[in-house]
C-alpha atoms as a PDB file:
ATOM      1  CA  MET A   1     104.112 113.447 124.397  1.00  0.00           C
ATOM      2  CA  TYR A   2     102.767 111.404 121.165  1.00  0.00           C
ATOM      3  CA  THR A   3     105.216 109.267 118.934  1.00  0.00           C
ATOM      4  CA  LEU A   4     103.652 108.280 115.263  1.00  0.00           C
ATOM      5  CA  TYR A   5     105.384 105.535 113.470  1.00  0.00           C
ATOM      6  CA  ILE A   6     104.936 105.988 110.127  1.00  0.00           C
ATOM      7  CA  ALA A   7     106.106 104.462 106.685  1.00  0.00           C
ATOM      8  CA  ASN A   8     107.329 106.098 103.491  1.00  0.00           C
ATOM      9  CA  LYS A   9     105.336 109.108 102.693  1.00  0.00           C
ATOM     10  CA  ASN A  10     105.481 108.171  99.307  1.00  0.00           C
ATOM     11  CA  TYR A  11     104.252 105.234  99.117  1.00  0.00           C
ATOM     12  CA  SER A  12     101.647 105.113 102.673  1.00  0.00           C
ATOM     13  CA  SER A  13      98.548 107.002 102.348  1.00  0.00           C
ATOM     14  CA  TRP A  14      97.367 105.369 106.043  1.00  0.00           C
ATOM     15  CA  SER A  15     100.409 106.970 107.331  1.00  0.00           C
ATOM     16  CA  LEU A  16      99.406 110.306 106.390  1.00  0.00           C
ATOM     17  CA  ARG A  17      95.759 110.398 107.638  1.00  0.00           C
ATOM     18  CA  PRO A  18      96.648 111.541 111.566  1.00  0.00           C
ATOM     19  CA  TRP A  19     100.338 113.078 110.585  1.00  0.00           C
ATOM     20  CA  LEU A  20      98.811 114.991 108.663  1.00  0.00           C
ATOM     21  CA  LEU A  21      95.838 115.964 111.110  1.00  0.00           C
ATOM     22  CA  MET A  22      97.893 116.519 113.759  1.00  0.00           C
ATOM     23  CA  LYS A  23     100.016 118.613 112.359  1.00  0.00           C
ATOM     24  CA  GLN A  24      97.283 120.778 110.685  1.00  0.00           C
ATOM     25  CA  LEU A  25      95.788 121.208 114.166  1.00  0.00           C
ATOM     26  CA  ASP A  26      98.753 122.069 115.816  1.00  0.00           C
ATOM     27  CA  ILE A  27      99.157 118.501 118.341  1.00  0.00           C
ATOM     28  CA  PRO A  28     102.642 118.288 118.841  1.00  0.00           C
ATOM     29  CA  PHE A  29     104.372 114.830 118.098  1.00  0.00           C
ATOM     30  CA  GLU A  30     107.842 112.909 117.433  1.00  0.00           C
ATOM     31  CA  GLU A  31     107.758 111.480 114.558  1.00  0.00           C
ATOM     32  CA  ILE A  32     109.508 107.872 113.765  1.00  0.00           C
ATOM     33  CA  LEU A  33     109.838 106.940 110.091  1.00  0.00           C
ATOM     34  CA  ILE A  34     110.552 103.318 109.085  1.00  0.00           C
ATOM     35  CA  PRO A  35     110.581 102.618 105.312  1.00  0.00           C
ATOM     36  CA  PHE A  36     108.706  99.222 103.859  1.00  0.00           C
ATOM     37  CA  GLY A  37     111.132  96.286 103.815  1.00  0.00           C
ATOM     38  CA  SER A  38     113.421  98.212 106.453  1.00  0.00           C
ATOM     39  CA  ALA A  39     115.595  95.826 109.338  1.00  0.00           C
ATOM     40  CA  ASP A  40     114.131  98.358 111.559  1.00  0.00           C
ATOM     41  CA  TRP A  41     110.322  97.527 110.915  1.00  0.00           C
ATOM     42  CA  ASP A  42     110.059  95.439 113.957  1.00  0.00           C
ATOM     43  CA  LYS A  43     110.594  98.602 116.383  1.00  0.00           C
ATOM     44  CA  ASN A  44     106.990  99.657 115.894  1.00  0.00           C
ATOM     45  CA  PRO A  45     104.514  98.878 118.240  1.00  0.00           C
ATOM     46  CA  SER A  46     101.790  98.351 116.574  1.00  0.00           C
ATOM     47  CA  PRO A  47     100.511  94.748 117.183  1.00  0.00           C
ATOM     48  CA  THR A  48      99.425  94.352 113.408  1.00  0.00           C
ATOM     49  CA  GLY A  49     102.938  95.341 112.302  1.00  0.00           C
ATOM     50  CA  GLN A  50     101.591  97.520 109.860  1.00  0.00           C
ATOM     51  CA  VAL A  51     101.571 101.565 110.329  1.00  0.00           C
ATOM     52  CA  PRO A  52     100.349 104.058 111.291  1.00  0.00           C
ATOM     53  CA  CYS A  53     100.799 103.272 114.709  1.00  0.00           C
ATOM     54  CA  LEU A  54     100.648 106.208 117.464  1.00  0.00           C
ATOM     55  CA  SER A  55     102.385 105.340 121.027  1.00  0.00           C
ATOM     56  CA  GLU A  56     101.677 107.951 124.009  1.00  0.00           C
ATOM     57  CA  LYS A  57     103.993 107.100 127.347  1.00  0.00           C
ATOM     58  CA  GLN A  58     101.582 107.436 130.449  1.00  0.00           C
ATOM     59  CA  ALA A  59     102.547 109.268 134.331  1.00  0.00           C
ATOM     60  CA  ASP A  60     103.409 105.889 135.205  1.00  0.00           C
ATOM     61  CA  GLY A  61     105.824 104.832 132.295  1.00  0.00           C
ATOM     62  CA  SER A  62     104.300 102.513 130.517  1.00  0.00           C
ATOM     63  CA  PHE A  63     102.867 103.257 127.064  1.00  0.00           C
ATOM     64  CA  ILE A  64     100.041 103.034 125.277  1.00  0.00           C
ATOM     65  CA  SER A  65      99.872 102.117 121.391  1.00  0.00           C
ATOM     66  CA  VAL A  66      97.133 102.601 119.383  1.00  0.00           C
ATOM     67  CA  TRP A  67      96.889 101.335 115.874  1.00  0.00           C
ATOM     68  CA  ASP A  68      94.962 102.142 112.869  1.00  0.00           C
ATOM     69  CA  SER A  69      94.728 105.610 111.170  1.00  0.00           C
ATOM     70  CA  LEU A  70      90.465 105.236 112.648  1.00  0.00           C
ATOM     71  CA  GLY A  71      91.317 103.986 116.129  1.00  0.00           C
ATOM     72  CA  ILE A  72      94.072 106.728 116.342  1.00  0.00           C
ATOM     73  CA  THR A  73      92.154 109.390 114.948  1.00  0.00           C
ATOM     74  CA  GLU A  74      89.442 108.958 117.917  1.00  0.00           C
ATOM     75  CA  TYR A  75      91.553 108.437 120.812  1.00  0.00           C
ATOM     76  CA  LEU A  76      92.994 111.968 119.562  1.00  0.00           C
ATOM     77  CA  ALA A  77      89.758 113.163 119.886  1.00  0.00           C
ATOM     78  CA  ASP A  78      89.009 112.153 123.494  1.00  0.00           C
ATOM     79  CA  ASN A  79      91.692 115.172 124.510  1.00  0.00           C
ATOM     80  CA  HIS A  80      91.600 117.173 121.344  1.00  0.00           C
ATOM     81  CA  PRO A  81      87.947 118.416 120.607  1.00  0.00           C
ATOM     82  CA  GLN A  82      88.545 120.103 116.947  1.00  0.00           C
ATOM     83  CA  ILE A  83      89.640 116.872 115.476  1.00  0.00           C
ATOM     84  CA  TRP A  84      86.009 116.718 114.769  1.00  0.00           C
ATOM     85  CA  PRO A  85      83.855 119.873 113.997  1.00  0.00           C
ATOM     86  CA  GLN A  86      81.966 121.375 116.871  1.00  0.00           C
ATOM     87  CA  ASP A  87      78.617 121.637 114.590  1.00  0.00           C
ATOM     88  CA  LYS A  88      76.497 118.194 115.824  1.00  0.00           C
ATOM     89  CA  LYS A  89      75.271 117.893 112.086  1.00  0.00           C
ATOM     90  CA  ALA A  90      78.283 118.574 110.683  1.00  0.00           C
ATOM     91  CA  ARG A  91      79.988 115.850 112.947  1.00  0.00           C
ATOM     92  CA  ALA A  92      77.842 113.233 112.384  1.00  0.00           C
ATOM     93  CA  TRP A  93      78.293 113.970 108.473  1.00  0.00           C
ATOM     94  CA  ALA A  94      82.228 114.199 108.946  1.00  0.00           C
ATOM     95  CA  ARG A  95      82.092 110.928 110.797  1.00  0.00           C
ATOM     96  CA  CYS A  96      79.946 108.874 108.076  1.00  0.00           C
ATOM     97  CA  ALA A  97      82.409 110.293 105.345  1.00  0.00           C
ATOM     98  CA  THR A  98      85.653 109.203 107.148  1.00  0.00           C
ATOM     99  CA  ALA A  99      84.297 105.865 108.052  1.00  0.00           C
ATOM    100  CA  GLU A 100      83.462 105.452 104.271  1.00  0.00           C
ATOM    101  CA  MET A 101      87.060 105.869 103.063  1.00  0.00           C
ATOM    102  CA  HIS A 102      88.377 104.087 106.057  1.00  0.00           C
ATOM    103  CA  SER A 103      86.488 101.542 104.255  1.00  0.00           C
ATOM    104  CA  GLY A 104      85.641 101.557 100.988  1.00  0.00           C
ATOM    105  CA  PHE A 105      86.776 102.327  97.420  1.00  0.00           C
ATOM    106  CA  HIS A 106      88.679  99.221  97.110  1.00  0.00           C
ATOM    107  CA  SER A 107      89.047 100.094  93.189  1.00  0.00           C
ATOM    108  CA  LEU A 108      90.712 102.731  93.766  1.00  0.00           C
ATOM    109  CA  ARG A 109      93.140 101.655  96.480  1.00  0.00           C
ATOM    110  CA  SER A 110      93.845  98.590  94.497  1.00  0.00           C
ATOM    111  CA  ILE A 111      94.181 100.555  91.090  1.00  0.00           C
ATOM    112  CA  CYS A 112      95.312 103.668  91.854  1.00  0.00           C
ATOM    113  CA  THR A 113      97.743 102.486  93.945  1.00  0.00           C
ATOM    114  CA  ASN A 114      99.228 105.170  96.294  1.00  0.00           C
ATOM    115  CA  ASN A 115     102.772 106.824  94.638  1.00  0.00           C
ATOM    116  CA  ILE A 116     102.787 110.261  95.024  1.00  0.00           C
ATOM    117  CA  GLY A 117     105.771 110.752  93.062  1.00  0.00           C
ATOM    118  CA  LEU A 118     104.442 109.563  89.732  1.00  0.00           C
ATOM    119  CA  ARG A 119     102.705 110.702  86.916  1.00  0.00           C
ATOM    120  CA  ILE A 120     100.886 107.454  85.702  1.00  0.00           C
ATOM    121  CA  ASP A 121      98.385 107.178  82.837  1.00  0.00           C
ATOM    122  CA  VAL A 122      95.721 104.779  84.041  1.00  0.00           C
ATOM    123  CA  SER A 123      93.120 104.946  81.002  1.00  0.00           C
ATOM    124  CA  ALA A 124      93.699 101.752  79.996  1.00  0.00           C
ATOM    125  CA  GLN A 125      92.847 100.303  83.910  1.00  0.00           C
ATOM    126  CA  THR A 126      89.497 102.844  84.456  1.00  0.00           C
ATOM    127  CA  THR A 127      87.012 100.228  84.676  1.00  0.00           C
ATOM    128  CA  PRO A 128      83.532 100.720  85.903  1.00  0.00           C
ATOM    129  CA  ALA A 129      84.015  99.637  89.387  1.00  0.00           C
ATOM    130  CA  LEU A 130      86.711 102.740  89.628  1.00  0.00           C
ATOM    131  CA  GLN A 131      84.486 104.751  87.649  1.00  0.00           C
ATOM    132  CA  LYS A 132      81.948 104.298  90.409  1.00  0.00           C
ATOM    133  CA  ASP A 133      84.575 105.050  92.778  1.00  0.00           C
ATOM    134  CA  ILE A 134      85.458 108.123  91.929  1.00  0.00           C
ATOM    135  CA  SER A 135      81.890 109.656  90.919  1.00  0.00           C
ATOM    136  CA  ARG A 136      81.350 108.455  94.767  1.00  0.00           C
ATOM    137  CA  ILE A 137      83.864 110.476  96.073  1.00  0.00           C
ATOM    138  CA  ASP A 138      83.262 113.575  93.554  1.00  0.00           C
ATOM    139  CA  GLN A 139      80.048 113.064  95.112  1.00  0.00           C
ATOM    140  CA  LEU A 140      81.047 113.273  99.024  1.00  0.00           C
ATOM    141  CA  TRP A 141      82.922 116.380  98.477  1.00  0.00           C
ATOM    142  CA  ASN A 142      80.556 118.293  96.717  1.00  0.00           C
ATOM    143  CA  GLU A 143      77.631 117.365  99.257  1.00  0.00           C
ATOM    144  CA  GLY A 144      80.372 118.397 102.143  1.00  0.00           C
ATOM    145  CA  LEU A 145      81.085 121.492 100.427  1.00  0.00           C
ATOM    146  CA  ASP A 146      77.516 122.844  99.885  1.00  0.00           C
ATOM    147  CA  ALA A 147      75.924 121.579 103.185  1.00  0.00           C
ATOM    148  CA  PHE A 148      78.575 123.197 105.259  1.00  0.00           C
ATOM    149  CA  GLY A 149      79.951 126.198 103.405  1.00  0.00           C
ATOM    150  CA  GLY A 150      83.129 126.042 104.292  1.00  0.00           C
ATOM    151  CA  SER A 151      86.333 126.029 102.046  1.00  0.00           C
ATOM    152  CA  PHE A 152      86.946 122.080 103.800  1.00  0.00           C
ATOM    153  CA  LEU A 153      84.576 119.211 103.563  1.00  0.00           C
ATOM    154  CA  ALA A 154      82.430 119.978 107.178  1.00  0.00           C
ATOM    155  CA  GLY A 155      82.650 123.656 107.204  1.00  0.00           C
ATOM    156  CA  ALA A 156      85.298 126.273 107.570  1.00  0.00           C
ATOM    157  CA  GLU A 157      87.451 124.447 109.897  1.00  0.00           C
ATOM    158  CA  PHE A 158      89.887 121.321 108.978  1.00  0.00           C
ATOM    159  CA  SER A 159      88.797 118.436 110.494  1.00  0.00           C
ATOM    160  CA  ALA A 160      89.184 114.716 110.333  1.00  0.00           C
ATOM    161  CA  VAL A 161      87.287 114.101 107.095  1.00  0.00           C
ATOM    162  CA  ASP A 162      89.683 116.186 105.422  1.00  0.00           C
ATOM    163  CA  ALA A 163      92.899 114.645 106.440  1.00  0.00           C
ATOM    164  CA  PHE A 164      91.477 110.960 105.634  1.00  0.00           C
ATOM    165  CA  PHE A 165      90.630 112.401 102.239  1.00  0.00           C
ATOM    166  CA  ALA A 166      94.176 114.072 101.968  1.00  0.00           C
ATOM    167  CA  PRO A 167      95.552 110.694 100.159  1.00  0.00           C
ATOM    168  CA  VAL A 168      92.695 110.603  97.863  1.00  0.00           C
ATOM    169  CA  ALA A 169      94.198 114.270  96.611  1.00  0.00           C
ATOM    170  CA  PHE A 170      97.343 112.877  96.209  1.00  0.00           C
ATOM    171  CA  ARG A 171      96.246 109.876  94.093  1.00  0.00           C
ATOM    172  CA  PHE A 172      93.854 112.010  91.308  1.00  0.00           C
ATOM    173  CA  GLN A 173      97.038 114.154  91.083  1.00  0.00           C
ATOM    174  CA  THR A 174      98.921 110.687  90.262  1.00  0.00           C
ATOM    175  CA  TYR A 175      96.699 108.966  88.153  1.00  0.00           C
ATOM    176  CA  GLY A 176      95.489 113.061  86.508  1.00  0.00           C
ATOM    177  CA  ILE A 177      91.482 111.988  87.340  1.00  0.00           C
ATOM    178  CA  ARG A 178      89.411 114.307  85.984  1.00  0.00           C
ATOM    179  CA  LEU A 179      86.501 115.738  88.853  1.00  0.00           C
ATOM    180  CA  SER A 180      84.187 118.340  88.958  1.00  0.00           C
ATOM    181  CA  ASP A 181      84.893 122.016  88.842  1.00  0.00           C
ATOM    182  CA  LYS A 182      84.344 122.319  92.918  1.00  0.00           C
ATOM    183  CA  ALA A 183      85.684 119.115  93.419  1.00  0.00           C
ATOM    184  CA  ALA A 184      88.405 119.634  91.967  1.00  0.00           C
ATOM    185  CA  ALA A 185      89.310 122.961  93.217  1.00  0.00           C
ATOM    186  CA  TYR A 186      88.869 120.997  96.842  1.00  0.00           C
ATOM    187  CA  ALA A 187      91.285 118.301  95.773  1.00  0.00           C
ATOM    188  CA  ALA A 188      93.897 121.782  95.221  1.00  0.00           C
ATOM    189  CA  HIS A 189      93.229 123.353  98.441  1.00  0.00           C
ATOM    190  CA  LEU A 190      94.259 119.889 100.152  1.00  0.00           C
ATOM    191  CA  ARG A 191      97.312 119.823  98.254  1.00  0.00           C
ATOM    192  CA  GLU A 192      98.440 123.579  98.682  1.00  0.00           C
ATOM    193  CA  LEU A 193      98.419 123.438 102.793  1.00  0.00           C
ATOM    194  CA  PRO A 194     101.653 124.297 103.629  1.00  0.00           C
ATOM    195  CA  VAL A 195     101.416 120.474 105.554  1.00  0.00           C
ATOM    196  CA  MET A 196     100.846 119.008 102.520  1.00  0.00           C
ATOM    197  CA  GLN A 197     103.329 120.467 100.551  1.00  0.00           C
ATOM    198  CA  ASP A 198     105.969 119.547 103.684  1.00  0.00           C
ATOM    199  CA  TRP A 199     104.467 116.050 102.896  1.00  0.00           C
ATOM    200  CA  TYR A 200     104.865 116.218  99.077  1.00  0.00           C
ATOM    201  CA  ALA A 201     108.405 117.478  99.258  1.00  0.00           C
ATOM    202  CA  ALA A 202     109.722 114.605 101.979  1.00  0.00           C
ATOM    203  CA  SER A 203     107.998 112.087  99.833  1.00  0.00           C
ATOM    204  CA  LEU A 204     109.987 113.258  96.452  1.00  0.00           C
ATOM    205  CA  ALA A 205     112.830 113.204  97.968  1.00  0.00           C
ATOM    206  CA  GLU A 206     112.737 109.717  99.515  1.00  0.00           C
ATOM    207  CA  VAL A 207     115.552 107.302  97.754  1.00  0.00           C
ATOM    208  CA  TRP A 208     113.793 104.009  98.975  1.00  0.00           C
ATOM    209  CA  ARG A 209     112.039 101.993  96.583  1.00  0.00           C
ATOM    210  CA  ASP A 210     110.306  99.249  97.467  1.00  0.00           C
ATOM    211  CA  GLU A 211     109.369  96.081  94.609  1.00  0.00           C
ATOM    212  CA  ALA A 212     106.524  95.694  95.969  1.00  0.00           C
ATOM    213  CA  HIS A 213     104.595  99.342  95.726  1.00  0.00           C
ATOM    214  CA  GLU A 214     106.790  99.450  92.307  1.00  0.00           C
ATOM    215  CA  VAL A 215     105.189  97.056  91.047  1.00  0.00           C
ATOM    216  CA  GLU A 216     101.493  97.688  91.951  1.00  0.00           C
ATOM    217  CA  ALA A 217     102.460 101.399  90.035  1.00  0.00           C
ATOM    218  CA  ARG A 218     103.700  99.470  86.645  1.00  0.00           C
ATOM    219  CA  ASN A 219     101.135  97.757  86.994  1.00  0.00           C
ATOM    220  CA  ALA A 220      98.215 101.101  87.091  1.00  0.00           C
ATOM    221  CA  GLY A 221      99.530 101.940  83.896  1.00  0.00           C
ATOM    222  CA  PRO A 222     102.153 104.185  81.868  1.00  0.00           C
ATOM    223  CA  TRP A 223     104.707 106.256  83.975  1.00  0.00           C
ATOM    224  CA  LEU A 224     104.646 109.713  82.429  1.00  0.00           C
ATOM    225  CA  GLN A 225     107.025 111.252  85.132  1.00  0.00           C
ATOM    226  CA  ASP A 226     108.922 109.992  87.882  1.00  0.00           C
ATOM    227  CA  LEU A 227     109.642 113.081  90.010  1.00  0.00           C
ATOM    228  CA  ARG A 228     111.222 111.300  92.928  1.00  0.00           C
ATOM    229  CA  ALA A 229     114.696 112.028  93.484  1.00  0.00           C
ATOM    230  CA  ALA A 230     117.551 109.007  92.331  1.00  0.00           C
ATOM    231  CA  GLY A 231     117.257 105.979  94.396  1.00  0.00           C
END
């Protein structure tokens, strides 16, 4: 049985990726949520002290701990072939797009901080570097949808590449980012998945606040709406 350690659903885009991947593909796991700044944070077995972290108990009673969202994805793929597309061309494209999302888009990450329950006017912060990131994601999404002809990025079935871009679909909603028609429809499709709706509802219901994340959101621009439960 897998155990997945995550942090606040409102803030933690990294936690969403493996959580969504396993939920959408019906891979059973126990979820342990430890809020940022909690006194329980040291219960997370990750050697980096960060989330997400996946733990799996072995037959001899020992545990394997896997940290980093991409590391978790590849670990799961050893036993769950549906993690990646079955078609070789689609799988190669999906791995490249996933790696690009995992290591890139720094302006988007730094300016459009992940805060699912807010609606923020980011227009004053829309630098050329941020627009470049947005345009590249739009291009990637159109490329995958056109090349593999499915409602997901690498074909008809949900796979790891969709899980890695799912937090971006929430970011684009938070900041009202305009996309091409096909990219906007894909982002909406991701947000409408029942498991994404579950994550969204849990995000809004959280009453924890982490000041570092709140400062990042205030720096992004004026808040238009705060849909979160009162803290």
